[in-house]
Amino acid sequence: MDSVETVKQWIREMTSTDEGLVDLLIRLQTSVFSPDKGAYRRIARDQVSPFFNNWPAVEDKLKVMLSSNELMPEQEELKTALKNDD
Protein backbone atom coordinates (compact mmCIF):
# COMPACT_ATOMS: atom_id res chain seq x y z
CA MET A 1 0.00 0.00 0.00
CA ASP A 2 2.16 2.78 -1.32
CA SER A 3 -0.31 5.66 -1.44
CA VAL A 4 -3.59 6.91 -0.05
CA GLU A 5 -5.22 6.18 -3.41
CA THR A 6 -4.05 2.55 -3.21
CA VAL A 7 -5.61 2.26 0.25
CA LYS A 8 -8.84 3.84 -1.01
CA GLN A 9 -8.98 1.38 -3.89
CA TRP A 10 -8.42 -1.54 -1.52
CA ILE A 11 -11.19 -0.23 0.75
CA ARG A 12 -13.56 0.10 -2.23
CA GLU A 13 -12.90 -3.53 -3.10
CA MET A 14 -13.27 -4.73 0.50
CA THR A 15 -16.51 -2.81 1.03
CA SER A 16 -18.20 -3.67 -2.27
CA THR A 17 -20.62 -5.85 -0.30
CA ASP A 18 -22.56 -5.08 2.88
CA GLU A 19 -20.80 -7.94 4.62
CA GLY A 20 -17.39 -6.59 3.59
CA LEU A 21 -18.26 -3.11 4.84
CA VAL A 22 -19.38 -4.37 8.24
CA ASP A 23 -16.37 -6.70 8.51
CA LEU A 24 -13.87 -3.94 7.72
CA LEU A 25 -15.43 -1.46 10.14
CA ILE A 26 -15.51 -4.07 12.89
CA ARG A 27 -11.78 -4.46 12.40
CA LEU A 28 -11.24 -0.68 12.40
CA GLN A 29 -12.74 -0.18 15.85
CA THR A 30 -10.51 1.52 18.39
CA SER A 31 -10.33 0.57 22.07
CA VAL A 32 -10.66 3.57 24.35
CA PHE A 33 -10.67 4.18 28.08
CA SER A 34 -12.12 7.20 29.78
CA PRO A 35 -12.61 7.90 33.49
CA ASP A 36 -16.36 8.43 33.11
CA LYS A 37 -17.19 5.62 30.61
CA GLY A 38 -14.50 3.07 31.39
CA ALA A 39 -13.30 0.84 28.53
CA TYR A 40 -15.26 0.87 25.30
CA ARG A 41 -14.88 0.50 21.52
CA ARG A 42 -15.51 3.19 18.94
CA ILE A 43 -15.10 4.04 15.29
CA ALA A 44 -12.80 7.06 14.99
CA ARG A 45 -14.59 8.80 12.12
CA ASP A 46 -11.87 11.41 11.77
CA GLN A 47 -9.34 8.65 11.08
CA VAL A 48 -11.52 6.30 9.01
CA SER A 49 -13.61 8.65 6.87
CA PRO A 50 -10.75 10.05 4.69
CA PHE A 51 -10.32 6.61 3.13
CA PHE A 52 -13.91 6.46 1.89
CA ASN A 53 -14.99 8.47 -1.14
CA ASN A 54 -18.32 9.38 0.48
CA TRP A 55 -18.34 8.78 4.24
CA PRO A 56 -21.84 10.33 4.77
CA ALA A 57 -23.26 7.79 2.30
CA VAL A 58 -21.47 5.00 4.20
CA GLU A 59 -23.02 6.19 7.47
CA ASP A 60 -26.47 6.35 5.88
CA LYS A 61 -26.05 2.81 4.56
CA LEU A 62 -24.91 1.59 7.99
CA LYS A 63 -27.91 3.20 9.70
CA VAL A 64 -30.23 1.21 7.47
CA MET A 65 -28.22 -2.01 7.78
CA LEU A 66 -27.95 -1.76 11.57
CA SER A 67 -31.56 -0.71 12.22
CA SER A 68 -32.82 -4.29 12.41
CA ASN A 69 -33.83 -5.76 15.75
CA GLU A 70 -32.17 -9.05 14.78
CA LEU A 71 -28.48 -8.17 14.50
CA MET A 72 -25.61 -10.57 14.93
CA PRO A 73 -23.39 -9.83 17.97
CA GLU A 74 -20.63 -8.23 15.87
CA GLN A 75 -23.20 -6.01 14.15
CA GLU A 76 -24.49 -4.90 17.57
CA GLU A 77 -20.91 -4.18 18.60
CA LEU A 78 -20.39 -2.08 15.48
CA LYS A 79 -23.64 -0.20 16.06
CA THR A 80 -22.48 0.66 19.58
CA ALA A 81 -19.00 1.62 18.36
CA LEU A 82 -20.50 4.04 15.85
CA LYS A 83 -22.50 5.69 18.64
CA ASN A 84 -19.38 5.96 20.83
CA ASP A 85 -17.38 8.24 18.54
CA ASP A 86 -16.54 11.36 20.52
PDB file of N, CA and C in Angstrom:
ATOM      1  N   MET A   1       0.851  -1.157   0.000  1.00  0.00           N
ATOM      2  CA  MET A   1       0.000   0.000   0.000  1.00  0.00           C
ATOM      3  C   MET A   1       0.906   1.232   0.000  1.00  0.00           C
ATOM      4  N   ASP A   2       1.165   1.721  -1.179  1.00  0.00           N
ATOM      5  CA  ASP A   2       2.155   2.777  -1.320  1.00  0.00           C
ATOM      6  C   ASP A   2       1.595   4.194  -1.392  1.00  0.00           C
ATOM      7  N   SER A   3       0.271   4.323  -1.392  1.00  0.00           N
ATOM      8  CA  SER A   3      -0.308   5.661  -1.444  1.00  0.00           C
ATOM      9  C   SER A   3      -1.716   5.628  -0.859  1.00  0.00           C
ATOM     10  N   VAL A   4      -2.217   6.803  -0.559  1.00  0.00           N
ATOM     11  CA  VAL A   4      -3.588   6.910  -0.050  1.00  0.00           C
ATOM     12  C   VAL A   4      -4.563   6.375  -1.087  1.00  0.00           C
ATOM     13  N   GLU A   5      -4.314   6.657  -2.351  1.00  0.00           N
ATOM     14  CA  GLU A   5      -5.222   6.179  -3.406  1.00  0.00           C
ATOM     15  C   GLU A   5      -5.237   4.648  -3.470  1.00  0.00           C
ATOM     16  N   THR A   6      -4.107   4.016  -3.242  1.00  0.00           N
ATOM     17  CA  THR A   6      -4.050   2.553  -3.213  1.00  0.00           C
ATOM     18  C   THR A   6      -4.895   2.021  -2.066  1.00  0.00           C
ATOM     19  N   VAL A   7      -4.806   2.665  -0.916  1.00  0.00           N
ATOM     20  CA  VAL A   7      -5.613   2.263   0.250  1.00  0.00           C
ATOM     21  C   VAL A   7      -7.095   2.456  -0.051  1.00  0.00           C
ATOM     22  N   LYS A   8      -7.440   3.588  -0.656  1.00  0.00           N
ATOM     23  CA  LYS A   8      -8.842   3.843  -1.010  1.00  0.00           C
ATOM     24  C   LYS A   8      -9.372   2.783  -1.973  1.00  0.00           C
ATOM     25  N   GLN A   9      -8.569   2.413  -2.944  1.00  0.00           N
ATOM     26  CA  GLN A   9      -8.980   1.383  -3.894  1.00  0.00           C
ATOM     27  C   GLN A   9      -9.196   0.059  -3.180  1.00  0.00           C
ATOM     28  N   TRP A  10      -8.290  -0.303  -2.287  1.00  0.00           N
ATOM     29  CA  TRP A  10      -8.424  -1.544  -1.517  1.00  0.00           C
ATOM     30  C   TRP A  10      -9.700  -1.509  -0.682  1.00  0.00           C
ATOM     31  N   ILE A  11      -9.978  -0.369  -0.059  1.00  0.00           N
ATOM     32  CA  ILE A  11     -11.192  -0.232   0.751  1.00  0.00           C
ATOM     33  C   ILE A  11     -12.433  -0.359  -0.122  1.00  0.00           C
ATOM     34  N   ARG A  12     -12.414   0.241  -1.316  1.00  0.00           N
ATOM     35  CA  ARG A  12     -13.559   0.103  -2.235  1.00  0.00           C
ATOM     36  C   ARG A  12     -13.811  -1.359  -2.558  1.00  0.00           C
ATOM     37  N   GLU A  13     -12.753  -2.105  -2.795  1.00  0.00           N
ATOM     38  CA  GLU A  13     -12.897  -3.528  -3.102  1.00  0.00           C
ATOM     39  C   GLU A  13     -13.423  -4.302  -1.889  1.00  0.00           C
ATOM     40  N   MET A  14     -12.873  -4.012  -0.718  1.00  0.00           N
ATOM     41  CA  MET A  14     -13.271  -4.731   0.505  1.00  0.00           C
ATOM     42  C   MET A  14     -14.710  -4.427   0.899  1.00  0.00           C
ATOM     43  N   THR A  15     -15.182  -3.226   0.594  1.00  0.00           N
ATOM     44  CA  THR A  15     -16.513  -2.809   1.034  1.00  0.00           C
ATOM     45  C   THR A  15     -17.541  -2.841  -0.096  1.00  0.00           C
ATOM     46  N   SER A  16     -17.258  -3.587  -1.134  1.00  0.00           N
ATOM     47  CA  SER A  16     -18.197  -3.665  -2.266  1.00  0.00           C
ATOM     48  C   SER A  16     -19.465  -4.436  -1.901  1.00  0.00           C
ATOM     49  N   THR A  17     -19.425  -5.166  -0.796  1.00  0.00           N
ATOM     50  CA  THR A  17     -20.624  -5.854  -0.297  1.00  0.00           C
ATOM     51  C   THR A  17     -20.934  -5.327   1.100  1.00  0.00           C
ATOM     52  N   ASP A  18     -22.178  -5.491   1.528  1.00  0.00           N
ATOM     53  CA  ASP A  18     -22.561  -5.081   2.882  1.00  0.00           C
ATOM     54  C   ASP A  18     -21.746  -5.839   3.923  1.00  0.00           C
ATOM     55  N   GLU A  19     -21.568  -7.113   3.692  1.00  0.00           N
ATOM     56  CA  GLU A  19     -20.795  -7.944   4.620  1.00  0.00           C
ATOM     57  C   GLU A  19     -19.353  -7.445   4.718  1.00  0.00           C
ATOM     58  N   GLY A  20     -18.764  -7.087   3.603  1.00  0.00           N
ATOM     59  CA  GLY A  20     -17.393  -6.585   3.591  1.00  0.00           C
ATOM     60  C   GLY A  20     -17.271  -5.260   4.323  1.00  0.00           C
ATOM     61  N   LEU A  21     -18.264  -4.393   4.148  1.00  0.00           N
ATOM     62  CA  LEU A  21     -18.260  -3.107   4.838  1.00  0.00           C
ATOM     63  C   LEU A  21     -18.308  -3.301   6.351  1.00  0.00           C
ATOM     64  N   VAL A  22     -19.244  -4.118   6.804  1.00  0.00           N
ATOM     65  CA  VAL A  22     -19.375  -4.375   8.240  1.00  0.00           C
ATOM     66  C   VAL A  22     -18.106  -5.028   8.776  1.00  0.00           C
ATOM     67  N   ASP A  23     -17.579  -6.004   8.059  1.00  0.00           N
ATOM     68  CA  ASP A  23     -16.373  -6.704   8.507  1.00  0.00           C
ATOM     69  C   ASP A  23     -15.193  -5.738   8.643  1.00  0.00           C
ATOM     70  N   LEU A  24     -14.992  -4.881   7.654  1.00  0.00           N
ATOM     71  CA  LEU A  24     -13.874  -3.936   7.718  1.00  0.00           C
ATOM     72  C   LEU A  24     -14.037  -2.974   8.885  1.00  0.00           C
ATOM     73  N   LEU A  25     -15.234  -2.427   9.064  1.00  0.00           N
ATOM     74  CA  LEU A  25     -15.435  -1.460  10.140  1.00  0.00           C
ATOM     75  C   LEU A  25     -15.321  -2.109  11.518  1.00  0.00           C
ATOM     76  N   ILE A  26     -15.710  -3.354  11.631  1.00  0.00           N
ATOM     77  CA  ILE A  26     -15.512  -4.071  12.893  1.00  0.00           C
ATOM     78  C   ILE A  26     -14.026  -4.128  13.211  1.00  0.00           C
ATOM     79  N   ARG A  27     -13.226  -4.366  12.201  1.00  0.00           N
ATOM     80  CA  ARG A  27     -11.778  -4.460  12.397  1.00  0.00           C
ATOM     81  C   ARG A  27     -11.119  -3.092  12.632  1.00  0.00           C
ATOM     82  N   LEU A  28     -11.786  -2.025  12.234  1.00  0.00           N
ATOM     83  CA  LEU A  28     -11.237  -0.682  12.404  1.00  0.00           C
ATOM     84  C   LEU A  28     -11.652  -0.015  13.713  1.00  0.00           C
ATOM     85  N   GLN A  29     -12.358  -0.741  14.554  1.00  0.00           N
ATOM     86  CA  GLN A  29     -12.743  -0.179  15.847  1.00  0.00           C
ATOM     87  C   GLN A  29     -11.495   0.105  16.690  1.00  0.00           C
ATOM     88  N   THR A  30     -11.593   1.122  17.500  1.00  0.00           N
ATOM     89  CA  THR A  30     -10.512   1.517  18.388  1.00  0.00           C
ATOM     90  C   THR A  30     -10.951   1.276  19.829  1.00  0.00           C
ATOM     91  N   SER A  31     -10.054   0.732  20.642  1.00  0.00           N
ATOM     92  CA  SER A  31     -10.329   0.567  22.074  1.00  0.00           C
ATOM     93  C   SER A  31      -9.958   1.856  22.787  1.00  0.00           C
ATOM     94  N   VAL A  32     -10.842   2.306  23.655  1.00  0.00           N
ATOM     95  CA  VAL A  32     -10.656   3.570  24.350  1.00  0.00           C
ATOM     96  C   VAL A  32     -10.974   3.369  25.828  1.00  0.00           C
ATOM     97  N   PHE A  33     -10.336   4.166  26.662  1.00  0.00           N
ATOM     98  CA  PHE A  33     -10.672   4.177  28.083  1.00  0.00           C
ATOM     99  C   PHE A  33     -10.839   5.621  28.511  1.00  0.00           C
ATOM    100  N   SER A  34     -11.923   5.875  29.217  1.00  0.00           N
ATOM    101  CA  SER A  34     -12.123   7.203  29.784  1.00  0.00           C
ATOM    102  C   SER A  34     -12.572   7.042  31.230  1.00  0.00           C
ATOM    103  N   PRO A  35     -12.246   8.007  32.077  1.00  0.00           N
ATOM    104  CA  PRO A  35     -12.607   7.898  33.490  1.00  0.00           C
ATOM    105  C   PRO A  35     -14.118   7.789  33.723  1.00  0.00           C
ATOM    106  N   ASP A  36     -14.908   8.460  32.897  1.00  0.00           N
ATOM    107  CA  ASP A  36     -16.356   8.426  33.108  1.00  0.00           C
ATOM    108  C   ASP A  36     -17.055   7.239  32.451  1.00  0.00           C
ATOM    109  N   LYS A  37     -16.555   6.745  31.317  1.00  0.00           N
ATOM    110  CA  LYS A  37     -17.188   5.622  30.607  1.00  0.00           C
ATOM    111  C   LYS A  37     -16.504   4.282  30.858  1.00  0.00           C
ATOM    112  N   GLY A  38     -15.258   4.315  31.271  1.00  0.00           N
ATOM    113  CA  GLY A  38     -14.496   3.075  31.385  1.00  0.00           C
ATOM    114  C   GLY A  38     -13.986   2.665  30.013  1.00  0.00           C
ATOM    115  N   ALA A  39     -13.794   1.362  29.810  1.00  0.00           N
ATOM    116  CA  ALA A  39     -13.302   0.843  28.529  1.00  0.00           C
ATOM    117  C   ALA A  39     -14.467   0.664  27.561  1.00  0.00           C
ATOM    118  N   TYR A  40     -14.244   1.060  26.339  1.00  0.00           N
ATOM    119  CA  TYR A  40     -15.263   0.865  25.304  1.00  0.00           C
ATOM    120  C   TYR A  40     -14.599   0.892  23.936  1.00  0.00           C
ATOM    121  N   ARG A  41     -15.357   0.517  22.907  1.00  0.00           N
ATOM    122  CA  ARG A  41     -14.878   0.499  21.524  1.00  0.00           C
ATOM    123  C   ARG A  41     -15.594   1.596  20.759  1.00  0.00           C
ATOM    124  N   ARG A  42     -14.895   2.158  19.771  1.00  0.00           N
ATOM    125  CA  ARG A  42     -15.510   3.193  18.941  1.00  0.00           C
ATOM    126  C   ARG A  42     -14.923   3.158  17.544  1.00  0.00           C
ATOM    127  N   ILE A  43     -15.611   3.808  16.634  1.00  0.00           N
ATOM    128  CA  ILE A  43     -15.101   4.041  15.286  1.00  0.00           C
ATOM    129  C   ILE A  43     -14.627   5.490  15.266  1.00  0.00           C
ATOM    130  N   ALA A  44     -13.361   5.708  15.043  1.00  0.00           N
ATOM    131  CA  ALA A  44     -12.803   7.061  14.990  1.00  0.00           C
ATOM    132  C   ALA A  44     -13.061   7.628  13.593  1.00  0.00           C
ATOM    133  N   ARG A  45     -14.196   8.288  13.432  1.00  0.00           N
ATOM    134  CA  ARG A  45     -14.594   8.796  12.124  1.00  0.00           C
ATOM    135  C   ARG A  45     -13.515   9.686  11.503  1.00  0.00           C
ATOM    136  N   ASP A  46     -12.875  10.509  12.306  1.00  0.00           N
ATOM    137  CA  ASP A  46     -11.865  11.414  11.768  1.00  0.00           C
ATOM    138  C   ASP A  46     -10.685  10.666  11.168  1.00  0.00           C
ATOM    139  N   GLN A  47     -10.444   9.442  11.609  1.00  0.00           N
ATOM    140  CA  GLN A  47      -9.343   8.645  11.079  1.00  0.00           C
ATOM    141  C   GLN A  47      -9.783   7.717   9.947  1.00  0.00           C
ATOM    142  N   VAL A  48     -11.020   7.277   9.986  1.00  0.00           N
ATOM    143  CA  VAL A  48     -11.525   6.301   9.013  1.00  0.00           C
ATOM    144  C   VAL A  48     -12.105   6.976   7.770  1.00  0.00           C
ATOM    145  N   SER A  49     -12.852   8.040   7.967  1.00  0.00           N
ATOM    146  CA  SER A  49     -13.607   8.653   6.867  1.00  0.00           C
ATOM    147  C   SER A  49     -12.762   9.123   5.681  1.00  0.00           C
ATOM    148  N   PRO A  50     -11.525   9.598   5.862  1.00  0.00           N
ATOM    149  CA  PRO A  50     -10.752  10.047   4.693  1.00  0.00           C
ATOM    150  C   PRO A  50     -10.479   8.949   3.658  1.00  0.00           C
ATOM    151  N   PHE A  51     -10.609   7.706   4.052  1.00  0.00           N
ATOM    152  CA  PHE A  51     -10.316   6.607   3.126  1.00  0.00           C
ATOM    153  C   PHE A  51     -11.539   6.152   2.332  1.00  0.00           C
ATOM    154  N   PHE A  52     -12.681   6.763   2.618  1.00  0.00           N
ATOM    155  CA  PHE A  52     -13.910   6.457   1.891  1.00  0.00           C
ATOM    156  C   PHE A  52     -14.238   7.651   1.007  1.00  0.00           C
ATOM    157  N   ASN A  53     -14.670   7.379  -0.215  1.00  0.00           N
ATOM    158  CA  ASN A  53     -14.993   8.469  -1.136  1.00  0.00           C
ATOM    159  C   ASN A  53     -16.177   9.300  -0.662  1.00  0.00           C
ATOM    160  N   ASN A  54     -17.130   8.668   0.037  1.00  0.00           N
ATOM    161  CA  ASN A  54     -18.322   9.379   0.480  1.00  0.00           C
ATOM    162  C   ASN A  54     -18.742   8.843   1.845  1.00  0.00           C
ATOM    163  N   TRP A  55     -18.063   9.287   2.896  1.00  0.00           N
ATOM    164  CA  TRP A  55     -18.342   8.781   4.240  1.00  0.00           C
ATOM    165  C   TRP A  55     -19.798   9.015   4.667  1.00  0.00           C
ATOM    166  N   PRO A  56     -20.428  10.170   4.393  1.00  0.00           N
ATOM    167  CA  PRO A  56     -21.840  10.331   4.774  1.00  0.00           C
ATOM    168  C   PRO A  56     -22.738   9.255   4.158  1.00  0.00           C
ATOM    169  N   ALA A  57     -22.471   8.857   2.933  1.00  0.00           N
ATOM    170  CA  ALA A  57     -23.256   7.787   2.301  1.00  0.00           C
ATOM    171  C   ALA A  57     -23.018   6.457   3.007  1.00  0.00           C
ATOM    172  N   VAL A  58     -21.785   6.219   3.453  1.00  0.00           N
ATOM    173  CA  VAL A  58     -21.466   4.996   4.203  1.00  0.00           C
ATOM    174  C   VAL A  58     -22.252   4.985   5.499  1.00  0.00           C
ATOM    175  N   GLU A  59     -22.271   6.114   6.212  1.00  0.00           N
ATOM    176  CA  GLU A  59     -23.019   6.189   7.466  1.00  0.00           C
ATOM    177  C   GLU A  59     -24.507   5.980   7.244  1.00  0.00           C
ATOM    178  N   ASP A  60     -25.049   6.550   6.181  1.00  0.00           N
ATOM    179  CA  ASP A  60     -26.468   6.351   5.876  1.00  0.00           C
ATOM    180  C   ASP A  60     -26.758   4.873   5.614  1.00  0.00           C
ATOM    181  N   LYS A  61     -25.886   4.235   4.858  1.00  0.00           N
ATOM    182  CA  LYS A  61     -26.049   2.809   4.558  1.00  0.00           C
ATOM    183  C   LYS A  61     -25.987   1.977   5.843  1.00  0.00           C
ATOM    184  N   LEU A  62     -25.048   2.315   6.727  1.00  0.00           N
ATOM    185  CA  LEU A  62     -24.910   1.586   7.987  1.00  0.00           C
ATOM    186  C   LEU A  62     -26.138   1.762   8.874  1.00  0.00           C
ATOM    187  N   LYS A  63     -26.701   2.964   8.894  1.00  0.00           N
ATOM    188  CA  LYS A  63     -27.906   3.203   9.696  1.00  0.00           C
ATOM    189  C   LYS A  63     -29.028   2.267   9.272  1.00  0.00           C
ATOM    190  N   VAL A  64     -29.197   2.105   7.986  1.00  0.00           N
ATOM    191  CA  VAL A  64     -30.231   1.206   7.470  1.00  0.00           C
ATOM    192  C   VAL A  64     -29.893  -0.247   7.808  1.00  0.00           C
ATOM    193  N   MET A  65     -28.642  -0.627   7.542  1.00  0.00           N
ATOM    194  CA  MET A  65     -28.216  -2.006   7.778  1.00  0.00           C
ATOM    195  C   MET A  65     -28.306  -2.392   9.248  1.00  0.00           C
ATOM    196  N   LEU A  66     -28.019  -1.450  10.142  1.00  0.00           N
ATOM    197  CA  LEU A  66     -27.952  -1.759  11.566  1.00  0.00           C
ATOM    198  C   LEU A  66     -29.224  -1.371  12.310  1.00  0.00           C
ATOM    199  N   SER A  67     -30.301  -1.098  11.579  1.00  0.00           N
ATOM    200  CA  SER A  67     -31.558  -0.714  12.219  1.00  0.00           C
ATOM    201  C   SER A  67     -32.427  -1.914  12.574  1.00  0.00           C
ATOM    202  N   SER A  68     -32.056  -3.081  12.133  1.00  0.00           N
ATOM    203  CA  SER A  68     -32.819  -4.294  12.410  1.00  0.00           C
ATOM    204  C   SER A  68     -32.769  -4.633  13.899  1.00  0.00           C
ATOM    205  N   ASN A  69     -33.806  -5.283  14.367  1.00  0.00           N
ATOM    206  CA  ASN A  69     -33.834  -5.760  15.749  1.00  0.00           C
ATOM    207  C   ASN A  69     -33.156  -7.114  15.883  1.00  0.00           C
ATOM    208  N   GLU A  70     -32.775  -7.718  14.764  1.00  0.00           N
ATOM    209  CA  GLU A  70     -32.166  -9.052  14.775  1.00  0.00           C
ATOM    210  C   GLU A  70     -30.751  -8.993  14.214  1.00  0.00           C
ATOM    211  N   LEU A  71     -29.871  -8.304  14.932  1.00  0.00           N
ATOM    212  CA  LEU A  71     -28.481  -8.167  14.499  1.00  0.00           C
ATOM    213  C   LEU A  71     -27.619  -9.256  15.118  1.00  0.00           C
ATOM    214  N   MET A  72     -26.591  -9.652  14.389  1.00  0.00           N
ATOM    215  CA  MET A  72     -25.608 -10.574  14.934  1.00  0.00           C
ATOM    216  C   MET A  72     -24.781  -9.818  15.973  1.00  0.00           C
ATOM    217  N   PRO A  73     -24.145 -10.513  16.909  1.00  0.00           N
ATOM    218  CA  PRO A  73     -23.388  -9.828  17.968  1.00  0.00           C
ATOM    219  C   PRO A  73     -22.355  -8.824  17.450  1.00  0.00           C
ATOM    220  N   GLU A  74     -21.630  -9.169  16.387  1.00  0.00           N
ATOM    221  CA  GLU A  74     -20.629  -8.232  15.869  1.00  0.00           C
ATOM    222  C   GLU A  74     -21.277  -7.000  15.246  1.00  0.00           C
ATOM    223  N   GLN A  75     -22.483  -7.157  14.691  1.00  0.00           N
ATOM    224  CA  GLN A  75     -23.195  -6.009  14.150  1.00  0.00           C
ATOM    225  C   GLN A  75     -23.662  -5.091  15.289  1.00  0.00           C
ATOM    226  N   GLU A  76     -24.107  -5.688  16.388  1.00  0.00           N
ATOM    227  CA  GLU A  76     -24.492  -4.905  17.575  1.00  0.00           C
ATOM    228  C   GLU A  76     -23.292  -4.136  18.099  1.00  0.00           C
ATOM    229  N   GLU A  77     -22.141  -4.805  18.133  1.00  0.00           N
ATOM    230  CA  GLU A  77     -20.908  -4.176  18.598  1.00  0.00           C
ATOM    231  C   GLU A  77     -20.545  -2.988  17.710  1.00  0.00           C
ATOM    232  N   LEU A  78     -20.678  -3.158  16.410  1.00  0.00           N
ATOM    233  CA  LEU A  78     -20.386  -2.079  15.477  1.00  0.00           C
ATOM    234  C   LEU A  78     -21.369  -0.926  15.667  1.00  0.00           C
ATOM    235  N   LYS A  79     -22.621  -1.229  15.839  1.00  0.00           N
ATOM    236  CA  LYS A  79     -23.644  -0.204  16.061  1.00  0.00           C
ATOM    237  C   LYS A  79     -23.289   0.625  17.294  1.00  0.00           C
ATOM    238  N   THR A  80     -22.881  -0.031  18.366  1.00  0.00           N
ATOM    239  CA  THR A  80     -22.482   0.662  19.582  1.00  0.00           C
ATOM    240  C   THR A  80     -21.225   1.476  19.351  1.00  0.00           C
ATOM    241  N   ALA A  81     -20.256   0.912  18.634  1.00  0.00           N
ATOM    242  CA  ALA A  81     -18.999   1.618  18.362  1.00  0.00           C
ATOM    243  C   ALA A  81     -19.245   2.900  17.555  1.00  0.00           C
ATOM    244  N   LEU A  82     -20.190   2.861  16.637  1.00  0.00           N
ATOM    245  CA  LEU A  82     -20.504   4.038  15.849  1.00  0.00           C
ATOM    246  C   LEU A  82     -21.118   5.123  16.732  1.00  0.00           C
ATOM    247  N   LYS A  83     -21.898   4.732  17.712  1.00  0.00           N
ATOM    248  CA  LYS A  83     -22.496   5.689  18.645  1.00  0.00           C
ATOM    249  C   LYS A  83     -21.462   6.277  19.593  1.00  0.00           C
ATOM    250  N   ASN A  84     -20.374   5.548  19.838  1.00  0.00           N
ATOM    251  CA  ASN A  84     -19.375   5.955  20.834  1.00  0.00           C
ATOM    252  C   ASN A  84     -18.330   6.915  20.301  1.00  0.00           C
ATOM    253  N   ASP A  85     -18.395   7.316  19.062  1.00  0.00           N
ATOM    254  CA  ASP A  85     -17.385   8.244  18.544  1.00  0.00           C
ATOM    255  C   ASP A  85     -17.548   9.594  19.221  1.00  0.00           C
ATOM    256  N   ASP A  86     -16.475  10.042  19.865  1.00  0.00           N
ATOM    257  CA  ASP A  86     -16.538  11.360  20.519  1.00  0.00           C
ATOM    258  C   ASP A  86     -15.242  12.120  20.385  1.00  0.00           C
TER     259      ASP A  86
END
